[in-house]
Amino acid sequence: MRSFEYARPETEAEALELLAEHGGNTAVLAGGTDLMNLLKRDVIQPARVVDIKNIPSWRGLKPQDGGVLIGANTTLDEINEHALAADYRSLIDVIEGIRAIQITANGTLAGDLCQLPHCWYFRNGYGLLAMQDGESLVATGDNRYHAILGNSGPAKFVSASRFAPSAMAWDAKVRLVTLARSASEGADAVAPKEEWLPLDYFFQTPKVNSQGVTVLKPGQLITHVWLPAASDTRSATYEVLELCGLDQPQASAACCLGIDGGIVRSAKIVLGHVAPTPWIAHEAAKWLVGQPLTSDIAETAGRMALAKATPLSHNDYKVQMAETAVKRALLKATNQLGEIL
């Protein structure tokens, strides 16, 4: 591990100032679930690590604008145990599927959204696009766990976030902050700049290694995640896991449904671990509206969600996994999953 500065701010303003220095070559430490591995493997080399755990305004859950605001320092255990989170079943499904008390006790929702890919080429120093001598190592090598959607470009890794599908299905927003210079106050005057961004627009597919997997700029970070009112929305997440313990899903799907009189009135379906970004299944969700959610309907929606899949040489098995994840997430949201298992 390379040496780096360590800073522990106590306010938002102090954190932003520390993150903005060194040209933004800094890293955020919240739960540290993935950061330590990245540092040990020399995948990232920040000049400074900023520990944000001591900023009280970034911790906890509270009502806001009819929904729920979750601070970036809030642990998964705290979310799981809080009454305000109880109606967001798809988020709770993910927490319960982690099955590792070390992760749930220290990991955070915001930190999970910012995870870097677990692609073994990337983790071994070949960059996000895993290129060598102008050729894709993924396309010609071991691509068992890589993308089956959105993989026509150079990026063939899968988004690492387990919570992004469920949060996106809820139309979540994230609060991004950074320091901005104020011309009216003088060249040296800086002030926090706040932006509320729909999570649908937070992730991106890089075309060159210098781009990231999110729109976060150097020195910028998530401070809060906002979820709209749960009202009568039904939600669920279904993850396909190889192991019963701590593991990364092979494929996952999350959904939010509005159902009235047994008929789907609104739907959003988001797949995880199948593309470089969380994958919104627009056509499948649109097709569901106006239909009763039966097992056959859910199965057809799963097939529609994967209709444009382009598996690589060793991962076509993921297509059926993802189709099944969609079907089971839909049935789980409507309390029908037990009927088919």
Protein backbone atom coordinates (compact mmCIF):
# COMPACT_ATOMS: atom_id res chain seq x y z
CA MET A 1 0.00 0.00 0.00
CA ARG A 2 1.30 3.46 -0.88
CA SER A 3 1.48 6.21 1.70
CA PHE A 4 -1.22 8.89 1.79
CA GLU A 5 -2.45 11.71 3.98
CA TYR A 6 -5.33 10.96 6.34
CA ALA A 7 -7.87 13.62 7.30
CA ARG A 8 -10.95 13.46 9.50
CA PRO A 9 -13.19 16.50 9.03
CA GLU A 10 -16.12 17.29 11.31
CA THR A 11 -18.16 19.52 9.00
CA GLU A 12 -19.32 19.44 5.39
CA ALA A 13 -17.33 22.56 4.50
CA GLU A 14 -14.14 21.13 5.96
CA ALA A 15 -14.63 17.84 4.13
CA LEU A 16 -15.10 19.59 0.79
CA GLU A 17 -11.98 21.70 1.26
CA LEU A 18 -9.91 18.61 2.06
CA LEU A 19 -11.32 16.70 -0.92
CA ALA A 20 -10.68 19.59 -3.32
CA GLU A 21 -6.96 19.79 -2.60
CA HIS A 22 -4.26 17.74 -4.39
CA GLY A 23 -6.11 18.42 -7.63
CA GLY A 24 -8.99 16.27 -6.43
CA ASN A 25 -6.73 13.21 -6.17
CA THR A 26 -8.45 12.23 -2.95
CA ALA A 27 -10.60 9.35 -1.75
CA VAL A 28 -13.57 9.20 0.60
CA LEU A 29 -13.62 6.81 3.55
CA ALA A 30 -17.07 6.04 4.93
CA GLY A 31 -17.56 2.36 5.69
CA GLY A 32 -14.35 1.43 3.88
CA THR A 33 -15.95 -1.75 2.53
CA ASP A 34 -14.12 -1.56 -0.78
CA LEU A 35 -11.61 1.26 -0.32
CA MET A 36 -9.09 -0.80 1.64
CA ASN A 37 -8.96 -3.48 -1.05
CA LEU A 38 -8.44 -0.87 -3.76
CA LEU A 39 -5.61 0.73 -1.80
CA LYS A 40 -3.92 -2.57 -1.01
CA ARG A 41 -4.03 -3.67 -4.64
CA ASP A 42 -2.74 -0.28 -5.79
CA VAL A 43 -5.76 0.15 -8.06
CA ILE A 44 -6.13 3.72 -6.83
CA GLN A 45 -3.38 5.98 -5.47
CA PRO A 46 -4.98 8.94 -3.69
CA ALA A 47 -2.77 11.60 -2.17
CA ARG A 48 -5.25 11.95 0.69
CA VAL A 49 -8.00 9.82 2.24
CA VAL A 50 -10.79 11.85 3.83
CA ASP A 51 -12.65 10.03 6.59
CA ILE A 52 -16.20 11.43 6.64
CA LYS A 53 -17.57 9.26 9.47
CA ASN A 54 -17.30 12.13 11.99
CA ILE A 55 -19.72 14.46 10.15
CA PRO A 56 -23.00 14.22 12.12
CA SER A 57 -25.16 15.95 9.49
CA TRP A 58 -24.48 13.07 7.10
CA ARG A 59 -25.82 10.37 9.39
CA GLY A 60 -29.28 8.95 10.01
CA LEU A 61 -32.69 8.84 8.36
CA LYS A 62 -35.30 11.57 8.48
CA PRO A 63 -38.50 12.57 6.65
CA GLN A 64 -38.04 15.11 3.86
CA ASP A 65 -40.33 16.37 1.09
CA GLY A 66 -42.75 13.51 1.65
CA GLY A 67 -40.01 10.90 1.38
CA VAL A 68 -36.98 9.74 3.35
CA LEU A 69 -33.50 11.24 3.44
CA ILE A 70 -30.60 8.86 4.18
CA GLY A 71 -27.22 10.29 5.14
CA ALA A 72 -24.03 9.03 3.52
CA ASN A 73 -22.67 7.89 6.90
CA THR A 74 -25.72 5.79 7.75
CA THR A 75 -24.81 2.12 8.02
CA LEU A 76 -26.83 -0.65 6.45
CA ASP A 77 -27.74 -1.96 9.90
CA GLU A 78 -29.11 1.45 10.84
CA ILE A 79 -31.22 1.51 7.67
CA ASN A 80 -32.46 -2.02 8.27
CA GLU A 81 -33.53 -1.22 11.83
CA HIS A 82 -35.15 2.17 11.18
CA ALA A 83 -38.93 2.45 10.99
CA LEU A 84 -38.73 4.96 8.12
CA ALA A 85 -37.07 2.35 5.90
CA ALA A 86 -39.58 -0.42 6.54
CA ASP A 87 -41.78 0.42 3.54
CA TYR A 88 -38.83 0.31 1.12
CA ARG A 89 -38.86 -3.45 0.93
CA SER A 90 -36.52 -3.73 -2.05
CA LEU A 91 -33.72 -2.02 -0.10
CA ILE A 92 -34.27 -4.26 2.89
CA ASP A 93 -34.14 -7.31 0.58
CA VAL A 94 -30.60 -6.35 -0.43
CA ILE A 95 -29.44 -5.79 3.15
CA GLU A 96 -30.83 -9.15 4.22
CA GLY A 97 -29.06 -10.82 1.28
CA ILE A 98 -25.60 -9.58 2.25
CA ARG A 99 -25.29 -12.04 5.16
CA ALA A 100 -22.09 -10.51 6.54
CA ILE A 101 -22.32 -8.59 9.79
CA GLN A 102 -19.01 -6.83 9.09
CA ILE A 103 -20.46 -5.33 5.92
CA THR A 104 -23.87 -4.39 7.29
CA ALA A 105 -22.35 -2.88 10.45
CA ASN A 106 -19.93 -0.65 8.54
CA GLY A 107 -21.08 -0.41 4.93
CA THR A 108 -23.22 2.48 3.70
CA LEU A 109 -25.79 2.98 0.96
CA ALA A 110 -23.91 5.92 -0.57
CA GLY A 111 -20.65 4.00 -0.50
CA ASP A 112 -22.22 1.06 -2.29
CA LEU A 113 -23.48 3.35 -5.07
CA CYS A 114 -19.91 4.50 -5.66
CA GLN A 115 -18.27 1.07 -5.74
CA LEU A 116 -15.80 0.40 -8.52
CA PRO A 117 -16.17 -2.75 -10.65
CA HIS A 118 -15.09 -6.12 -9.30
CA CYS A 119 -13.81 -7.11 -12.75
CA TRP A 120 -10.61 -9.11 -12.20
CA TYR A 121 -8.85 -7.40 -15.11
CA PHE A 122 -9.52 -3.97 -13.57
CA ARG A 123 -8.50 -5.15 -10.10
CA ASN A 124 -5.22 -6.45 -11.51
CA GLY A 125 -4.19 -3.16 -13.06
CA TYR A 126 -5.52 -3.27 -16.63
CA GLY A 127 -7.86 -0.31 -16.22
CA LEU A 128 -11.64 -0.07 -16.40
CA LEU A 129 -11.68 -1.07 -20.05
CA ALA A 130 -9.22 -3.96 -19.57
CA MET A 131 -7.25 -3.26 -22.72
CA GLN A 132 -3.79 -4.57 -23.64
CA ASP A 133 -2.01 -3.70 -26.88
CA GLY A 134 -5.25 -2.23 -28.18
CA GLU A 135 -7.22 -5.44 -27.60
CA SER A 136 -9.95 -6.17 -25.08
CA LEU A 137 -8.83 -8.76 -22.57
CA VAL A 138 -12.45 -9.38 -21.66
CA ALA A 139 -13.62 -10.09 -25.20
CA THR A 140 -10.96 -12.74 -25.77
CA GLY A 141 -10.45 -13.96 -22.21
CA ASP A 142 -12.39 -15.16 -19.18
CA ASN A 143 -15.62 -13.18 -19.24
CA ARG A 144 -17.87 -15.42 -17.15
CA TYR A 145 -19.06 -12.60 -14.91
CA HIS A 146 -19.07 -9.72 -17.38
CA ALA A 147 -21.80 -7.74 -19.12
CA ILE A 148 -24.55 -9.21 -21.28
CA LEU A 149 -26.23 -5.84 -21.92
CA GLY A 150 -24.72 -2.52 -22.95
CA ASN A 151 -21.44 -4.22 -23.83
CA SER A 152 -21.03 -3.19 -27.47
CA GLY A 153 -18.41 -0.58 -26.53
CA PRO A 154 -15.06 -1.09 -24.82
CA ALA A 155 -16.59 -1.29 -21.31
CA LYS A 156 -17.61 -4.86 -20.52
CA PHE A 157 -17.51 -4.90 -16.71
CA VAL A 158 -20.72 -4.95 -14.68
CA SER A 159 -21.85 -2.28 -12.26
CA ALA A 160 -20.79 -3.35 -8.76
CA SER A 161 -23.56 -1.65 -6.79
CA ARG A 162 -26.06 -3.97 -5.15
CA PHE A 163 -28.36 -1.14 -4.04
CA ALA A 164 -28.48 0.87 -7.26
CA PRO A 165 -31.22 -1.25 -8.92
CA SER A 166 -33.57 -0.96 -5.95
CA ALA A 167 -32.86 2.76 -5.36
CA MET A 168 -33.31 3.54 -9.06
CA ALA A 169 -36.57 1.61 -9.15
CA TRP A 170 -37.75 4.00 -6.42
CA ASP A 171 -36.68 7.02 -8.52
CA ALA A 172 -34.15 7.99 -5.86
CA LYS A 173 -32.12 11.18 -5.99
CA VAL A 174 -28.64 11.85 -4.63
CA ARG A 175 -27.30 15.07 -3.17
CA LEU A 176 -23.92 15.90 -4.68
CA VAL A 177 -21.70 18.61 -3.24
CA THR A 178 -18.42 20.14 -4.30
CA LEU A 179 -16.52 23.38 -3.76
CA ALA A 180 -17.10 26.09 -6.35
CA ARG A 181 -15.19 29.33 -6.74
CA SER A 182 -17.26 32.50 -6.59
CA ALA A 183 -16.14 35.20 -9.03
CA SER A 184 -18.28 37.80 -7.28
CA GLU A 185 -16.52 37.19 -3.97
CA GLY A 186 -12.99 37.16 -5.31
CA ALA A 187 -10.64 34.65 -6.86
CA ASP A 188 -9.97 32.83 -3.61
CA ALA A 189 -13.58 32.64 -2.40
CA VAL A 190 -15.09 29.17 -2.41
CA ALA A 191 -18.48 27.89 -1.35
CA PRO A 192 -20.26 24.53 -1.36
CA LYS A 193 -22.20 23.83 -4.54
CA GLU A 194 -25.19 21.53 -4.12
CA GLU A 195 -26.90 19.48 -6.81
CA TRP A 196 -29.80 17.03 -6.54
CA LEU A 197 -29.42 14.43 -9.27
CA PRO A 198 -31.86 11.62 -10.15
CA LEU A 199 -30.00 8.37 -9.62
CA ASP A 200 -30.93 7.34 -13.17
CA TYR A 201 -28.34 9.87 -14.38
CA PHE A 202 -25.62 9.15 -11.83
CA PHE A 203 -24.01 6.17 -13.56
CA GLN A 204 -22.17 6.25 -16.87
CA THR A 205 -20.40 3.83 -19.20
CA PRO A 206 -16.81 4.97 -19.78
CA LYS A 207 -15.39 4.99 -23.28
CA VAL A 208 -11.82 5.70 -22.15
CA ASN A 209 -9.99 4.74 -18.97
CA SER A 210 -9.85 8.34 -17.76
CA GLN A 211 -13.63 8.37 -17.38
CA GLY A 212 -15.24 6.95 -14.29
CA VAL A 213 -18.26 4.75 -13.70
CA THR A 214 -20.26 7.67 -12.28
CA VAL A 215 -20.59 11.37 -13.09
CA LEU A 216 -18.79 12.33 -9.88
CA LYS A 217 -16.05 14.88 -10.50
CA PRO A 218 -12.77 15.08 -8.53
CA GLY A 219 -13.52 16.49 -5.09
CA GLN A 220 -17.26 15.80 -5.39
CA LEU A 221 -19.20 13.30 -3.29
CA ILE A 222 -22.63 12.05 -2.28
CA THR A 223 -23.86 13.31 1.07
CA HIS A 224 -27.44 11.99 1.03
CA VAL A 225 -29.81 9.68 -0.82
CA TRP A 226 -33.46 10.70 -1.05
CA LEU A 227 -36.31 8.24 -1.63
CA PRO A 228 -39.82 9.45 -2.55
CA ALA A 229 -42.85 8.51 -0.51
CA ALA A 230 -43.50 4.78 -0.47
CA SER A 231 -47.31 5.27 -0.33
CA ASP A 232 -48.93 2.13 -1.78
CA THR A 233 -45.96 1.11 -3.92
CA ARG A 234 -44.93 -2.54 -3.80
CA SER A 235 -41.26 -3.32 -4.26
CA ALA A 236 -38.78 -6.18 -4.15
CA THR A 237 -35.26 -7.17 -5.12
CA TYR A 238 -34.20 -10.63 -6.21
CA GLU A 239 -30.49 -11.50 -6.42
CA VAL A 240 -29.00 -14.63 -7.95
CA LEU A 241 -26.06 -15.63 -5.74
CA GLU A 242 -23.61 -18.49 -6.09
CA LEU A 243 -22.89 -18.72 -2.37
CA CYS A 244 -25.04 -18.63 0.73
CA GLY A 245 -22.56 -16.33 2.48
CA LEU A 246 -20.89 -13.09 1.40
CA ASP A 247 -20.97 -12.98 -2.40
CA GLN A 248 -21.58 -10.68 -5.36
CA PRO A 249 -24.75 -11.40 -7.36
CA GLN A 250 -24.45 -12.94 -10.79
CA ALA A 251 -27.59 -11.04 -11.75
CA SER A 252 -30.27 -9.14 -9.91
CA ALA A 253 -33.50 -7.29 -10.52
CA ALA A 254 -35.49 -4.76 -8.53
CA CYS A 255 -38.95 -3.45 -9.18
CA CYS A 256 -41.49 -0.95 -7.92
CA LEU A 257 -45.12 -1.53 -8.79
CA GLY A 258 -48.33 0.40 -8.41
CA ILE A 259 -51.26 -2.05 -8.41
CA ASP A 260 -54.95 -1.21 -8.26
CA GLY A 261 -57.72 -3.77 -8.46
CA GLY A 262 -55.23 -6.50 -9.25
CA ILE A 263 -53.96 -4.61 -12.33
CA VAL A 264 -50.52 -3.07 -12.71
CA ARG A 265 -50.95 0.71 -13.02
CA SER A 266 -47.26 1.68 -12.90
CA ALA A 267 -44.00 -0.23 -13.03
CA LYS A 268 -40.26 0.26 -13.04
CA ILE A 269 -37.77 -2.60 -13.40
CA VAL A 270 -34.00 -2.22 -12.98
CA LEU A 271 -31.44 -4.99 -13.47
CA GLY A 272 -28.09 -5.18 -11.75
CA HIS A 273 -24.77 -6.94 -12.47
CA VAL A 274 -25.60 -7.44 -16.15
CA ALA A 275 -24.30 -4.20 -17.70
CA PRO A 276 -21.70 -1.48 -17.01
CA THR A 277 -24.51 0.54 -15.43
CA PRO A 278 -27.73 -0.51 -13.68
CA TRP A 279 -30.03 -1.42 -16.59
CA ILE A 280 -33.56 0.00 -16.74
CA ALA A 281 -35.94 -2.37 -18.54
CA HIS A 282 -38.19 0.29 -20.04
CA GLU A 283 -40.05 -1.87 -22.54
CA ALA A 284 -40.80 -4.69 -20.10
CA ALA A 285 -42.12 -2.25 -17.49
CA LYS A 286 -44.27 -0.42 -20.03
CA TRP A 287 -45.72 -3.74 -21.25
CA LEU A 288 -46.72 -4.71 -17.69
CA VAL A 289 -49.01 -1.72 -17.25
CA GLY A 290 -52.65 -2.67 -17.63
CA GLN A 291 -52.07 -6.37 -16.98
CA PRO A 292 -52.69 -8.63 -13.98
CA LEU A 293 -49.37 -9.78 -12.54
CA THR A 294 -49.51 -13.53 -12.90
CA SER A 295 -46.57 -15.94 -13.03
CA ASP A 296 -46.85 -16.15 -16.82
CA ILE A 297 -46.95 -12.37 -17.17
CA ALA A 298 -43.89 -12.04 -14.92
CA GLU A 299 -42.03 -14.64 -16.98
CA THR A 300 -42.80 -12.80 -20.21
CA ALA A 301 -41.61 -9.53 -18.67
CA GLY A 302 -38.34 -11.24 -17.77
CA ARG A 303 -37.83 -12.38 -21.35
CA MET A 304 -38.64 -8.90 -22.66
CA ALA A 305 -36.14 -7.34 -20.27
CA LEU A 306 -33.35 -9.50 -21.75
CA ALA A 307 -34.51 -9.46 -25.36
CA LYS A 308 -31.55 -7.32 -26.44
CA ALA A 309 -28.90 -9.24 -24.48
CA THR A 310 -25.60 -9.82 -26.27
CA PRO A 311 -23.70 -12.32 -24.12
CA LEU A 312 -19.97 -12.76 -24.49
CA SER A 313 -18.21 -16.03 -25.22
CA HIS A 314 -18.50 -17.51 -21.70
CA ASN A 315 -21.49 -15.84 -20.03
CA ASP A 316 -24.64 -16.67 -21.95
CA TYR A 317 -25.87 -18.46 -18.80
CA LYS A 318 -26.44 -15.00 -17.29
CA VAL A 319 -29.32 -14.32 -19.68
CA GLN A 320 -31.54 -16.95 -18.08
CA MET A 321 -30.40 -15.88 -14.62
CA ALA A 322 -31.40 -12.28 -15.30
CA GLU A 323 -34.73 -13.31 -16.82
CA THR A 324 -35.46 -15.35 -13.71
CA ALA A 325 -34.38 -12.49 -11.44
CA VAL A 326 -36.91 -10.20 -13.11
CA LYS A 327 -39.70 -12.77 -12.87
CA ARG A 328 -39.00 -13.52 -9.22
CA ALA A 329 -38.64 -9.86 -8.22
CA LEU A 330 -42.07 -9.14 -9.70
CA LEU A 331 -43.65 -12.10 -7.97
CA LYS A 332 -41.88 -11.31 -4.72
CA ALA A 333 -43.25 -7.76 -4.78
CA THR A 334 -46.76 -9.17 -5.02
CA ASN A 335 -46.27 -11.95 -2.45
CA GLN A 336 -46.49 -14.71 -5.05
CA LEU A 337 -42.90 -15.95 -5.03
CA GLY A 338 -43.61 -18.75 -2.55
CA GLU A 339 -46.08 -20.26 -4.98
CA ILE A 340 -43.38 -21.12 -7.54
CA LEU A 341 -40.51 -22.09 -5.21
